[in-house]
Amino acid sequence: MKTKVKICGITTLNDAQAAIDAGAEYIGFNFYPKSVRFVDKEACAKITYELKKKHAQIKLIGVFVNSPVDVVRDIIEGCSLDLAQLHGDETSEIFSKLAPHAFKAFRGIPSDLSDFERTDAPALLVDAAVKGVYGGSGHIADWAGAAGLAKRYPLFLAGGLNPENVADAVRQVQPWGVDVASGVEVPPQLGGKAGPGKKDAAKMSAFVKAVRQVEN
């Protein structure tokens, strides 16, 4: 099975296009205001408008952290998103109101998924458990725990993935898909504008290539 690749924290059309050129099938936009990769609705809508015209097959995902249901729905519609990734402390009630257009992200390995069942892929996302951080921490997730879940659910594996370790992650976890943000970004430069949110085209290509080499 071909492992899906999601490149998250996209903030510009150029980075989105580079991610698609690299081979990503899923593009993620972060709507959490406290995130260094935050993008507002208007800016995202301009990006997704162009993407939908040129790349109708690409799935667009919005990342939300404890946002009201009406806000999530408004952004999904306004930005032509395919899915909402609920990356905060959302309740099963919130999840059910957004179903089937949402999946839950867990920081750590969930003990019970009965309240967040989703029949379509992705069923969920597993991220690293870092206190006070809602994703994008760069810390490695619990691969052993994720591997157990991946046998039962089509899940996205996130948390500290990069071109150097993603092949091992795919071999060990065998996830339905992998999700990367900080691991394919341009390192901060002294006095420069690079850093969180600015993607590195070469790193994105290397990331996808590493995933495909495992499959081959």
N, C-alpha and C. Protein backbone atom coordinates (compact mmCIF):
# COMPACT_ATOMS: atom_id res chain seq x y z
N MET A 1 0.84 -1.20 0.00
CA MET A 1 0.00 0.00 0.00
C MET A 1 0.88 1.24 0.00
N LYS A 2 0.53 2.19 -0.81
CA LYS A 2 1.27 3.44 -0.88
C LYS A 2 1.00 4.30 0.35
N THR A 3 2.06 4.66 1.05
CA THR A 3 1.93 5.49 2.25
C THR A 3 1.64 6.93 1.85
N LYS A 4 0.56 7.46 2.38
CA LYS A 4 0.20 8.85 2.09
C LYS A 4 1.18 9.80 2.78
N VAL A 5 1.44 10.94 2.14
CA VAL A 5 2.32 11.95 2.72
C VAL A 5 1.56 13.26 2.88
N LYS A 6 1.57 13.77 4.10
CA LYS A 6 0.94 15.07 4.40
C LYS A 6 2.03 16.05 4.84
N ILE A 7 2.11 17.15 4.16
CA ILE A 7 3.04 18.21 4.57
C ILE A 7 2.21 19.33 5.17
N CYS A 8 2.46 19.60 6.43
CA CYS A 8 1.60 20.49 7.21
C CYS A 8 2.29 21.81 7.54
N GLY A 9 1.47 22.77 7.95
CA GLY A 9 2.00 24.08 8.31
C GLY A 9 2.36 24.92 7.11
N ILE A 10 1.66 24.70 6.00
CA ILE A 10 1.90 25.48 4.77
C ILE A 10 1.34 26.90 4.95
N THR A 11 2.14 27.89 4.54
CA THR A 11 1.71 29.29 4.70
C THR A 11 1.74 30.09 3.40
N THR A 12 2.31 29.52 2.34
CA THR A 12 2.39 30.24 1.07
C THR A 12 2.03 29.31 -0.09
N LEU A 13 1.61 29.90 -1.20
CA LEU A 13 1.28 29.12 -2.39
C LEU A 13 2.53 28.45 -2.95
N ASN A 14 3.66 29.13 -2.91
CA ASN A 14 4.90 28.55 -3.42
C ASN A 14 5.27 27.28 -2.66
N ASP A 15 5.13 27.33 -1.33
CA ASP A 15 5.46 26.15 -0.53
C ASP A 15 4.46 25.02 -0.80
N ALA A 16 3.20 25.38 -0.98
CA ALA A 16 2.18 24.37 -1.28
C ALA A 16 2.50 23.68 -2.60
N GLN A 17 2.87 24.48 -3.61
CA GLN A 17 3.19 23.91 -4.91
C GLN A 17 4.43 23.03 -4.84
N ALA A 18 5.42 23.47 -4.06
CA ALA A 18 6.65 22.68 -3.91
C ALA A 18 6.36 21.36 -3.20
N ALA A 19 5.45 21.38 -2.24
CA ALA A 19 5.07 20.16 -1.53
C ALA A 19 4.41 19.17 -2.48
N ILE A 20 3.53 19.69 -3.33
CA ILE A 20 2.85 18.84 -4.31
C ILE A 20 3.84 18.30 -5.34
N ASP A 21 4.74 19.17 -5.79
CA ASP A 21 5.77 18.74 -6.74
C ASP A 21 6.65 17.64 -6.14
N ALA A 22 6.84 17.70 -4.83
CA ALA A 22 7.66 16.70 -4.15
C ALA A 22 6.95 15.35 -4.06
N GLY A 23 5.61 15.39 -4.14
CA GLY A 23 4.84 14.15 -4.10
C GLY A 23 3.85 14.03 -2.97
N ALA A 24 3.63 15.11 -2.22
CA ALA A 24 2.66 15.07 -1.13
C ALA A 24 1.23 14.98 -1.69
N GLU A 25 0.42 14.14 -1.04
CA GLU A 25 -0.98 14.01 -1.45
C GLU A 25 -1.92 14.82 -0.57
N TYR A 26 -1.41 15.21 0.61
CA TYR A 26 -2.20 15.99 1.57
C TYR A 26 -1.42 17.25 1.95
N ILE A 27 -2.14 18.37 1.98
CA ILE A 27 -1.54 19.65 2.36
C ILE A 27 -2.29 20.17 3.59
N GLY A 28 -1.53 20.55 4.63
CA GLY A 28 -2.16 21.00 5.86
C GLY A 28 -1.94 22.48 6.15
N PHE A 29 -2.98 23.12 6.65
CA PHE A 29 -2.94 24.53 7.03
C PHE A 29 -3.30 24.66 8.50
N ASN A 30 -2.52 25.44 9.25
CA ASN A 30 -2.71 25.53 10.69
C ASN A 30 -3.49 26.79 11.06
N PHE A 31 -4.66 26.59 11.66
CA PHE A 31 -5.51 27.72 12.05
C PHE A 31 -5.47 27.99 13.56
N TYR A 32 -4.46 27.47 14.23
CA TYR A 32 -4.29 27.74 15.66
C TYR A 32 -3.50 29.04 15.81
N PRO A 33 -4.13 30.10 16.32
CA PRO A 33 -3.49 31.42 16.36
C PRO A 33 -2.14 31.46 17.07
N LYS A 34 -1.92 30.56 18.02
CA LYS A 34 -0.66 30.57 18.77
C LYS A 34 0.46 29.80 18.06
N SER A 35 0.13 29.17 16.96
CA SER A 35 1.13 28.40 16.23
C SER A 35 2.03 29.32 15.41
N VAL A 36 3.31 28.96 15.33
CA VAL A 36 4.25 29.72 14.51
C VAL A 36 3.94 29.51 13.02
N ARG A 37 3.09 28.54 12.73
CA ARG A 37 2.70 28.26 11.35
C ARG A 37 1.26 28.70 11.06
N PHE A 38 0.74 29.57 11.87
CA PHE A 38 -0.65 30.03 11.71
C PHE A 38 -0.86 30.72 10.37
N VAL A 39 -1.99 30.42 9.75
CA VAL A 39 -2.42 31.12 8.53
C VAL A 39 -3.87 31.51 8.73
N ASP A 40 -4.23 32.72 8.35
CA ASP A 40 -5.62 33.14 8.54
C ASP A 40 -6.49 32.67 7.38
N LYS A 41 -7.78 32.77 7.58
CA LYS A 41 -8.75 32.25 6.61
C LYS A 41 -8.58 32.89 5.24
N GLU A 42 -8.40 34.19 5.20
CA GLU A 42 -8.31 34.89 3.92
C GLU A 42 -7.07 34.47 3.14
N ALA A 43 -5.95 34.40 3.82
CA ALA A 43 -4.71 34.00 3.15
C ALA A 43 -4.79 32.56 2.66
N CYS A 44 -5.36 31.69 3.49
CA CYS A 44 -5.51 30.29 3.10
C CYS A 44 -6.44 30.14 1.90
N ALA A 45 -7.52 30.87 1.90
CA ALA A 45 -8.50 30.78 0.82
C ALA A 45 -7.87 31.12 -0.54
N LYS A 46 -6.96 32.09 -0.54
CA LYS A 46 -6.28 32.46 -1.78
C LYS A 46 -5.39 31.31 -2.26
N ILE A 47 -4.74 30.64 -1.32
CA ILE A 47 -3.88 29.51 -1.67
C ILE A 47 -4.70 28.34 -2.18
N THR A 48 -5.74 27.98 -1.42
CA THR A 48 -6.52 26.80 -1.79
C THR A 48 -7.31 27.00 -3.07
N TYR A 49 -7.68 28.24 -3.38
CA TYR A 49 -8.38 28.53 -4.63
C TYR A 49 -7.50 28.11 -5.81
N GLU A 50 -6.22 28.47 -5.73
CA GLU A 50 -5.29 28.12 -6.81
C GLU A 50 -5.03 26.61 -6.84
N LEU A 51 -4.92 26.01 -5.66
CA LEU A 51 -4.63 24.58 -5.61
C LEU A 51 -5.78 23.76 -6.17
N LYS A 52 -7.00 24.14 -5.86
CA LYS A 52 -8.16 23.41 -6.35
C LYS A 52 -8.26 23.48 -7.88
N LYS A 53 -7.83 24.60 -8.46
CA LYS A 53 -7.87 24.74 -9.92
C LYS A 53 -6.86 23.82 -10.60
N LYS A 54 -5.68 23.71 -10.01
CA LYS A 54 -4.58 23.00 -10.65
C LYS A 54 -4.42 21.56 -10.18
N HIS A 55 -4.84 21.29 -8.96
CA HIS A 55 -4.57 19.98 -8.36
C HIS A 55 -5.80 19.46 -7.62
N ALA A 56 -6.82 19.14 -8.37
CA ALA A 56 -8.09 18.72 -7.77
C ALA A 56 -7.95 17.45 -6.94
N GLN A 57 -6.93 16.65 -7.22
CA GLN A 57 -6.76 15.37 -6.52
C GLN A 57 -6.14 15.54 -5.14
N ILE A 58 -5.53 16.66 -4.87
CA ILE A 58 -4.85 16.89 -3.59
C ILE A 58 -5.87 17.17 -2.49
N LYS A 59 -5.68 16.53 -1.35
CA LYS A 59 -6.58 16.75 -0.22
C LYS A 59 -6.05 17.87 0.67
N LEU A 60 -6.94 18.76 1.06
CA LEU A 60 -6.57 19.92 1.87
C LEU A 60 -7.15 19.78 3.27
N ILE A 61 -6.29 19.93 4.26
CA ILE A 61 -6.69 19.72 5.65
C ILE A 61 -6.43 20.96 6.50
N GLY A 62 -7.40 21.32 7.32
CA GLY A 62 -7.23 22.41 8.26
C GLY A 62 -6.97 21.86 9.65
N VAL A 63 -5.96 22.40 10.32
CA VAL A 63 -5.63 21.98 11.68
C VAL A 63 -6.23 22.99 12.67
N PHE A 64 -7.03 22.47 13.60
CA PHE A 64 -7.72 23.33 14.57
C PHE A 64 -7.43 22.87 15.99
N VAL A 65 -7.34 23.83 16.88
CA VAL A 65 -7.10 23.54 18.30
C VAL A 65 -8.18 24.21 19.13
N ASN A 66 -9.13 23.41 19.59
CA ASN A 66 -10.20 23.88 20.48
C ASN A 66 -11.01 25.04 19.89
N SER A 67 -11.21 25.01 18.58
CA SER A 67 -12.01 26.04 17.92
C SER A 67 -13.49 25.70 18.00
N PRO A 68 -14.37 26.72 18.11
CA PRO A 68 -15.81 26.47 18.10
C PRO A 68 -16.23 25.80 16.79
N VAL A 69 -17.27 24.99 16.86
CA VAL A 69 -17.74 24.25 15.69
C VAL A 69 -18.07 25.19 14.53
N ASP A 70 -18.74 26.30 14.82
CA ASP A 70 -19.13 27.21 13.74
C ASP A 70 -17.92 27.84 13.06
N VAL A 71 -16.86 28.06 13.81
CA VAL A 71 -15.62 28.61 13.23
C VAL A 71 -14.98 27.58 12.30
N VAL A 72 -14.92 26.34 12.75
CA VAL A 72 -14.35 25.27 11.92
C VAL A 72 -15.14 25.11 10.64
N ARG A 73 -16.44 25.07 10.76
CA ARG A 73 -17.29 24.92 9.57
C ARG A 73 -17.11 26.08 8.60
N ASP A 74 -17.02 27.28 9.14
CA ASP A 74 -16.86 28.47 8.30
C ASP A 74 -15.55 28.42 7.53
N ILE A 75 -14.47 28.00 8.18
CA ILE A 75 -13.18 27.93 7.52
C ILE A 75 -13.13 26.78 6.51
N ILE A 76 -13.72 25.65 6.86
CA ILE A 76 -13.77 24.52 5.92
C ILE A 76 -14.45 24.96 4.62
N GLU A 77 -15.56 25.65 4.77
CA GLU A 77 -16.31 26.10 3.58
C GLU A 77 -15.57 27.21 2.84
N GLY A 78 -15.10 28.20 3.60
CA GLY A 78 -14.45 29.35 2.98
C GLY A 78 -13.13 29.03 2.30
N CYS A 79 -12.45 28.00 2.78
CA CYS A 79 -11.15 27.63 2.22
C CYS A 79 -11.21 26.36 1.39
N SER A 80 -12.41 25.84 1.16
CA SER A 80 -12.60 24.63 0.36
C SER A 80 -11.75 23.47 0.86
N LEU A 81 -11.76 23.27 2.18
CA LEU A 81 -10.98 22.19 2.78
C LEU A 81 -11.74 20.87 2.72
N ASP A 82 -10.99 19.79 2.68
CA ASP A 82 -11.60 18.46 2.65
C ASP A 82 -11.87 17.92 4.04
N LEU A 83 -10.99 18.23 4.99
CA LEU A 83 -11.10 17.68 6.33
C LEU A 83 -10.60 18.66 7.38
N ALA A 84 -11.12 18.48 8.60
CA ALA A 84 -10.62 19.22 9.75
C ALA A 84 -9.87 18.25 10.65
N GLN A 85 -8.65 18.62 11.00
CA GLN A 85 -7.85 17.83 11.95
C GLN A 85 -7.98 18.49 13.31
N LEU A 86 -8.63 17.81 14.24
CA LEU A 86 -8.88 18.38 15.57
C LEU A 86 -7.71 18.03 16.48
N HIS A 87 -6.84 19.02 16.72
CA HIS A 87 -5.57 18.76 17.37
C HIS A 87 -5.52 19.25 18.81
N GLY A 88 -6.66 19.60 19.36
CA GLY A 88 -6.69 20.11 20.72
C GLY A 88 -7.29 19.13 21.70
N ASP A 89 -8.14 19.65 22.57
CA ASP A 89 -8.79 18.84 23.60
C ASP A 89 -10.29 18.69 23.30
N GLU A 90 -10.60 18.59 22.04
CA GLU A 90 -11.99 18.53 21.61
C GLU A 90 -12.71 17.31 22.19
N THR A 91 -13.96 17.53 22.56
CA THR A 91 -14.77 16.45 23.11
C THR A 91 -15.38 15.62 21.99
N SER A 92 -15.92 14.47 22.37
CA SER A 92 -16.59 13.62 21.39
C SER A 92 -17.81 14.33 20.81
N GLU A 93 -18.42 15.21 21.59
CA GLU A 93 -19.58 15.96 21.10
C GLU A 93 -19.17 16.90 19.97
N ILE A 94 -18.05 17.59 20.14
CA ILE A 94 -17.54 18.47 19.09
C ILE A 94 -17.20 17.64 17.85
N PHE A 95 -16.55 16.53 18.07
CA PHE A 95 -16.17 15.65 16.97
C PHE A 95 -17.39 15.19 16.18
N SER A 96 -18.43 14.77 16.88
CA SER A 96 -19.62 14.26 16.21
C SER A 96 -20.33 15.34 15.40
N LYS A 97 -20.25 16.58 15.87
CA LYS A 97 -20.90 17.68 15.15
C LYS A 97 -20.19 17.99 13.84
N LEU A 98 -18.90 17.66 13.77
CA LEU A 98 -18.12 17.95 12.57
C LEU A 98 -17.97 16.73 11.66
N ALA A 99 -18.38 15.58 12.16
CA ALA A 99 -18.31 14.35 11.35
C ALA A 99 -19.25 14.48 10.16
N PRO A 100 -18.88 13.89 9.02
CA PRO A 100 -17.72 13.03 8.76
C PRO A 100 -16.51 13.80 8.23
N HIS A 101 -16.53 15.12 8.42
CA HIS A 101 -15.46 15.94 7.83
C HIS A 101 -14.36 16.29 8.82
N ALA A 102 -14.14 15.41 9.81
CA ALA A 102 -13.11 15.67 10.80
C ALA A 102 -12.50 14.37 11.30
N PHE A 103 -11.24 14.45 11.73
CA PHE A 103 -10.61 13.33 12.42
C PHE A 103 -9.82 13.89 13.59
N LYS A 104 -9.63 13.06 14.60
CA LYS A 104 -9.00 13.52 15.84
C LYS A 104 -7.50 13.22 15.83
N ALA A 105 -6.73 14.19 16.28
CA ALA A 105 -5.29 14.00 16.49
C ALA A 105 -5.06 13.80 17.98
N PHE A 106 -4.21 12.83 18.31
CA PHE A 106 -3.93 12.52 19.71
C PHE A 106 -2.45 12.76 20.00
N ARG A 107 -2.20 13.46 21.08
CA ARG A 107 -0.83 13.68 21.53
C ARG A 107 -0.52 12.55 22.51
N GLY A 108 0.13 11.51 22.00
CA GLY A 108 0.31 10.30 22.76
C GLY A 108 -0.63 9.23 22.22
N ILE A 109 -0.61 8.07 22.84
CA ILE A 109 -1.40 6.94 22.37
C ILE A 109 -2.74 6.90 23.12
N PRO A 110 -3.85 7.05 22.41
CA PRO A 110 -5.16 7.01 23.08
C PRO A 110 -5.50 5.62 23.58
N SER A 111 -6.12 5.55 24.75
CA SER A 111 -6.50 4.26 25.31
C SER A 111 -7.86 3.80 24.82
N ASP A 112 -8.67 4.78 24.37
CA ASP A 112 -10.03 4.45 23.93
C ASP A 112 -10.43 5.36 22.79
N LEU A 113 -10.78 4.77 21.67
CA LEU A 113 -11.17 5.55 20.49
C LEU A 113 -12.67 5.48 20.22
N SER A 114 -13.42 4.86 21.10
CA SER A 114 -14.84 4.61 20.85
C SER A 114 -15.63 5.89 20.61
N ASP A 115 -15.22 7.00 21.22
CA ASP A 115 -15.95 8.26 21.05
C ASP A 115 -15.48 9.05 19.84
N PHE A 116 -14.45 8.55 19.17
CA PHE A 116 -13.90 9.29 18.03
C PHE A 116 -13.75 8.38 16.82
N GLU A 117 -14.67 7.44 16.68
CA GLU A 117 -14.62 6.50 15.56
C GLU A 117 -14.87 7.23 14.24
N ARG A 118 -14.02 6.90 13.27
CA ARG A 118 -14.19 7.44 11.93
C ARG A 118 -13.95 6.30 10.95
N THR A 119 -14.91 6.07 10.08
CA THR A 119 -14.83 4.92 9.18
C THR A 119 -13.91 5.17 7.98
N ASP A 120 -13.83 6.43 7.54
CA ASP A 120 -12.98 6.75 6.39
C ASP A 120 -11.55 7.01 6.84
N ALA A 121 -10.62 6.86 5.92
CA ALA A 121 -9.22 7.19 6.20
C ALA A 121 -8.98 8.69 5.92
N PRO A 122 -8.18 9.34 6.76
CA PRO A 122 -7.51 8.81 7.95
C PRO A 122 -8.48 8.71 9.13
N ALA A 123 -8.30 7.70 9.94
CA ALA A 123 -9.16 7.53 11.10
C ALA A 123 -8.72 8.42 12.26
N LEU A 124 -7.43 8.66 12.35
CA LEU A 124 -6.87 9.48 13.42
C LEU A 124 -5.45 9.85 13.10
N LEU A 125 -4.85 10.68 13.94
CA LEU A 125 -3.45 11.05 13.83
C LEU A 125 -2.80 10.88 15.19
N VAL A 126 -1.59 10.32 15.18
CA VAL A 126 -0.82 10.14 16.42
C VAL A 126 0.38 11.07 16.39
N ASP A 127 0.49 11.93 17.40
CA ASP A 127 1.57 12.90 17.50
C ASP A 127 2.33 12.66 18.80
N ALA A 128 3.44 13.36 18.97
CA ALA A 128 4.21 13.27 20.20
C ALA A 128 3.45 13.95 21.34
N ALA A 129 3.63 13.43 22.53
CA ALA A 129 3.00 14.02 23.71
C ALA A 129 3.97 15.00 24.35
N VAL A 130 3.75 16.28 24.10
CA VAL A 130 4.59 17.35 24.67
C VAL A 130 3.69 18.31 25.42
N LYS A 131 3.92 18.46 26.70
CA LYS A 131 3.06 19.26 27.55
C LYS A 131 2.96 20.70 27.04
N GLY A 132 1.72 21.16 26.88
CA GLY A 132 1.48 22.54 26.47
C GLY A 132 1.69 22.84 25.01
N VAL A 133 2.03 21.82 24.21
CA VAL A 133 2.30 22.03 22.79
C VAL A 133 1.30 21.23 21.97
N TYR A 134 0.61 21.93 21.05
CA TYR A 134 -0.40 21.26 20.22
C TYR A 134 0.18 21.02 18.82
N GLY A 135 1.12 20.09 18.74
CA GLY A 135 1.69 19.73 17.44
C GLY A 135 2.85 20.62 17.04
N GLY A 136 3.61 20.13 16.03
CA GLY A 136 4.73 20.91 15.50
C GLY A 136 5.89 21.06 16.46
N SER A 137 6.01 20.17 17.44
CA SER A 137 7.04 20.30 18.46
C SER A 137 8.40 19.79 18.00
N GLY A 138 8.40 18.90 16.99
CA GLY A 138 9.65 18.31 16.55
C GLY A 138 10.06 17.10 17.37
N HIS A 139 9.26 16.74 18.37
CA HIS A 139 9.57 15.58 19.21
C HIS A 139 9.01 14.30 18.57
N ILE A 140 9.71 13.20 18.78
CA ILE A 140 9.32 11.91 18.21
C ILE A 140 8.12 11.33 18.95
N ALA A 141 7.18 10.79 18.21
CA ALA A 141 6.01 10.15 18.81
C ALA A 141 6.38 8.74 19.29
N ASP A 142 5.44 8.10 19.96
CA ASP A 142 5.63 6.74 20.46
C ASP A 142 5.39 5.76 19.30
N TRP A 143 6.47 5.38 18.63
CA TRP A 143 6.33 4.53 17.45
C TRP A 143 5.78 3.15 17.80
N ALA A 144 6.20 2.61 18.91
CA ALA A 144 5.72 1.27 19.29
C ALA A 144 4.22 1.29 19.53
N GLY A 145 3.76 2.29 20.26
CA GLY A 145 2.33 2.41 20.51
C GLY A 145 1.55 2.68 19.23
N ALA A 146 2.12 3.51 18.37
CA ALA A 146 1.47 3.84 17.10
C ALA A 146 1.38 2.62 16.20
N ALA A 147 2.39 1.75 16.26
CA ALA A 147 2.39 0.53 15.43
C ALA A 147 1.23 -0.37 15.79
N GLY A 148 0.93 -0.45 17.09
CA GLY A 148 -0.21 -1.25 17.52
C GLY A 148 -1.51 -0.71 16.98
N LEU A 149 -1.66 0.61 17.01
CA LEU A 149 -2.88 1.24 16.48
C LEU A 149 -2.97 1.10 14.96
N ALA A 150 -1.81 1.20 14.30
CA ALA A 150 -1.79 1.15 12.84
C ALA A 150 -2.25 -0.20 12.29
N LYS A 151 -2.20 -1.23 13.12
CA LYS A 151 -2.69 -2.54 12.69
C LYS A 151 -4.21 -2.57 12.63
N ARG A 152 -4.84 -1.62 13.34
CA ARG A 152 -6.31 -1.60 13.41
C ARG A 152 -6.95 -0.41 12.70
N TYR A 153 -6.18 0.67 12.57
CA TYR A 153 -6.75 1.90 12.00
C TYR A 153 -5.82 2.51 10.96
N PRO A 154 -6.40 3.12 9.91
CA PRO A 154 -5.58 3.87 8.95
C PRO A 154 -5.22 5.23 9.57
N LEU A 155 -4.02 5.34 10.10
CA LEU A 155 -3.65 6.54 10.84
C LEU A 155 -2.50 7.31 10.20
N PHE A 156 -2.48 8.60 10.48
CA PHE A 156 -1.35 9.44 10.16
C PHE A 156 -0.39 9.39 11.34
N LEU A 157 0.90 9.17 11.06
CA LEU A 157 1.92 9.26 12.09
C LEU A 157 2.61 10.61 11.96
N ALA A 158 2.65 11.36 13.04
CA ALA A 158 3.32 12.66 13.07
C ALA A 158 4.32 12.65 14.22
N GLY A 159 4.96 13.77 14.44
CA GLY A 159 5.85 13.90 15.58
C GLY A 159 7.32 13.69 15.25
N GLY A 160 8.02 14.78 14.97
CA GLY A 160 9.47 14.71 14.80
C GLY A 160 9.97 13.98 13.58
N LEU A 161 9.14 13.79 12.59
CA LEU A 161 9.59 13.10 11.38
C LEU A 161 10.40 14.04 10.50
N ASN A 162 11.38 13.48 9.79
CA ASN A 162 12.21 14.26 8.89
C ASN A 162 12.77 13.31 7.82
N PRO A 163 13.49 13.83 6.81
CA PRO A 163 13.99 12.95 5.75
C PRO A 163 14.92 11.84 6.25
N GLU A 164 15.56 12.06 7.40
CA GLU A 164 16.51 11.09 7.92
C GLU A 164 15.86 9.93 8.68
N ASN A 165 14.72 10.18 9.31
CA ASN A 165 14.13 9.11 10.13
C ASN A 165 12.81 8.56 9.63
N VAL A 166 12.24 9.16 8.59
CA VAL A 166 10.90 8.74 8.18
C VAL A 166 10.88 7.32 7.62
N ALA A 167 11.98 6.89 6.99
CA ALA A 167 12.01 5.52 6.47
C ALA A 167 11.90 4.51 7.60
N ASP A 168 12.64 4.75 8.68
CA ASP A 168 12.56 3.86 9.85
C ASP A 168 11.16 3.90 10.45
N ALA A 169 10.56 5.08 10.49
CA ALA A 169 9.21 5.21 11.05
C ALA A 169 8.21 4.38 10.25
N VAL A 170 8.31 4.44 8.93
CA VAL A 170 7.39 3.70 8.07
C VAL A 170 7.60 2.19 8.25
N ARG A 171 8.85 1.78 8.34
CA ARG A 171 9.12 0.35 8.53
C ARG A 171 8.57 -0.16 9.87
N GLN A 172 8.79 0.62 10.92
CA GLN A 172 8.42 0.17 12.25
C GLN A 172 6.92 0.29 12.54
N VAL A 173 6.32 1.37 12.08
CA VAL A 173 4.91 1.65 12.40
C VAL A 173 3.96 1.14 11.32
N GLN A 174 4.40 1.20 10.07
CA GLN A 174 3.56 0.87 8.92
C GLN A 174 2.24 1.65 8.96
N PRO A 175 2.35 2.96 9.03
CA PRO A 175 1.15 3.79 9.09
C PRO A 175 0.49 3.93 7.73
N TRP A 176 -0.76 4.33 7.75
CA TRP A 176 -1.47 4.64 6.50
C TRP A 176 -0.84 5.87 5.85
N GLY A 177 -0.39 6.82 6.70
CA GLY A 177 0.22 8.03 6.18
C GLY A 177 1.18 8.64 7.18
N VAL A 178 2.05 9.53 6.70
CA VAL A 178 2.99 10.24 7.56
C VAL A 178 2.75 11.74 7.40
N ASP A 179 3.01 12.47 8.48
CA ASP A 179 2.71 13.89 8.54
C ASP A 179 3.96 14.63 9.02
N VAL A 180 4.38 15.65 8.30
CA VAL A 180 5.58 16.39 8.66
C VAL A 180 5.34 17.89 8.56
N ALA A 181 5.96 18.64 9.48
CA ALA A 181 5.91 20.10 9.43
C ALA A 181 7.32 20.65 9.64
N SER A 182 7.79 20.66 10.89
CA SER A 182 9.10 21.24 11.19
C SER A 182 10.25 20.50 10.53
N GLY A 183 10.06 19.20 10.26
CA GLY A 183 11.15 18.40 9.71
C GLY A 183 11.53 18.71 8.28
N VAL A 184 10.73 19.52 7.58
CA VAL A 184 11.05 19.89 6.20
C VAL A 184 11.10 21.40 6.03
N GLU A 185 11.50 22.07 7.09
CA GLU A 185 11.56 23.53 7.03
C GLU A 185 12.98 24.05 6.93
N VAL A 186 13.11 25.26 6.42
CA VAL A 186 14.39 25.93 6.32
C VAL A 186 14.85 26.31 7.72
N PRO A 187 16.08 25.99 8.10
CA PRO A 187 16.54 26.34 9.44
C PRO A 187 16.61 27.86 9.61
N PRO A 188 16.39 28.34 10.82
CA PRO A 188 16.45 29.79 11.07
C PRO A 188 17.81 30.37 10.69
N GLN A 189 17.79 31.50 10.05
CA GLN A 189 19.02 32.18 9.66
C GLN A 189 19.18 33.45 10.48
N LEU A 190 20.41 33.80 10.77
CA LEU A 190 20.65 35.03 11.52
C LEU A 190 20.16 36.24 10.72
N GLY A 191 19.19 36.93 11.29
CA GLY A 191 18.67 38.12 10.62
C GLY A 191 17.79 37.83 9.43
N GLY A 192 17.53 36.55 9.18
CA GLY A 192 16.73 36.18 8.02
C GLY A 192 15.29 35.92 8.36
N LYS A 193 14.51 35.55 7.35
CA LYS A 193 13.08 35.31 7.52
C LYS A 193 12.74 33.82 7.57
N ALA A 194 13.76 32.99 7.40
CA ALA A 194 13.49 31.56 7.40
C ALA A 194 13.19 31.07 8.81
N GLY A 195 12.72 29.84 8.88
CA GLY A 195 12.38 29.28 10.18
C GLY A 195 11.02 28.63 10.13
N PRO A 196 10.31 28.58 11.25
CA PRO A 196 9.01 27.92 11.30
C PRO A 196 8.05 28.43 10.23
N GLY A 197 7.50 27.50 9.48
CA GLY A 197 6.54 27.86 8.45
C GLY A 197 7.12 27.96 7.07
N LYS A 198 8.42 28.18 6.93
CA LYS A 198 9.06 28.28 5.62
C LYS A 198 9.60 26.92 5.22
N LYS A 199 9.03 26.33 4.19
CA LYS A 199 9.42 24.98 3.78
C LYS A 199 10.65 24.97 2.89
N ASP A 200 11.37 23.87 2.95
CA ASP A 200 12.56 23.65 2.15
C ASP A 200 12.20 22.63 1.07
N ALA A 201 12.21 23.05 -0.18
CA ALA A 201 11.78 22.18 -1.28
C ALA A 201 12.63 20.91 -1.36
N ALA A 202 13.94 21.04 -1.14
CA ALA A 202 14.82 19.88 -1.21
C ALA A 202 14.51 18.89 -0.08
N LYS A 203 14.21 19.40 1.11
CA LYS A 203 13.88 18.53 2.23
C LYS A 203 12.55 17.82 2.00
N MET A 204 11.58 18.53 1.41
CA MET A 204 10.30 17.90 1.12
C MET A 204 10.47 16.77 0.12
N SER A 205 11.28 17.00 -0.92
CA SER A 205 11.53 15.97 -1.92
C SER A 205 12.24 14.78 -1.30
N ALA A 206 13.21 15.06 -0.43
CA ALA A 206 13.96 13.98 0.22
C ALA A 206 13.06 13.17 1.15
N PHE A 207 12.13 13.86 1.80
CA PHE A 207 11.19 13.20 2.71
C PHE A 207 10.32 12.21 1.94
N VAL A 208 9.72 12.67 0.86
CA VAL A 208 8.84 11.80 0.07
C VAL A 208 9.65 10.67 -0.56
N LYS A 209 10.84 10.97 -1.04
CA LYS A 209 11.69 9.94 -1.65
C LYS A 209 12.02 8.84 -0.66
N ALA A 210 12.29 9.23 0.60
CA ALA A 210 12.61 8.24 1.63
C ALA A 210 11.43 7.32 1.89
N VAL A 211 10.21 7.89 1.88
CA VAL A 211 9.00 7.09 2.08
C VAL A 211 8.83 6.11 0.92
N ARG A 212 9.00 6.59 -0.29
CA ARG A 212 8.80 5.73 -1.46
C ARG A 212 9.86 4.62 -1.55
N GLN A 213 11.05 4.89 -1.10
CA GLN A 213 12.10 3.87 -1.16
C GLN A 213 11.79 2.69 -0.26
N VAL A 214 11.13 2.95 0.87
CA VAL A 214 10.72 1.87 1.77
C VAL A 214 9.71 0.97 1.04
N GLU A 215 8.80 1.58 0.32
CA GLU A 215 7.76 0.81 -0.38
C GLU A 215 8.34 -0.05 -1.49
N ASN A 216 9.42 0.45 -2.08
CA ASN A 216 10.02 -0.26 -3.22
C ASN A 216 11.01 -1.33 -2.79
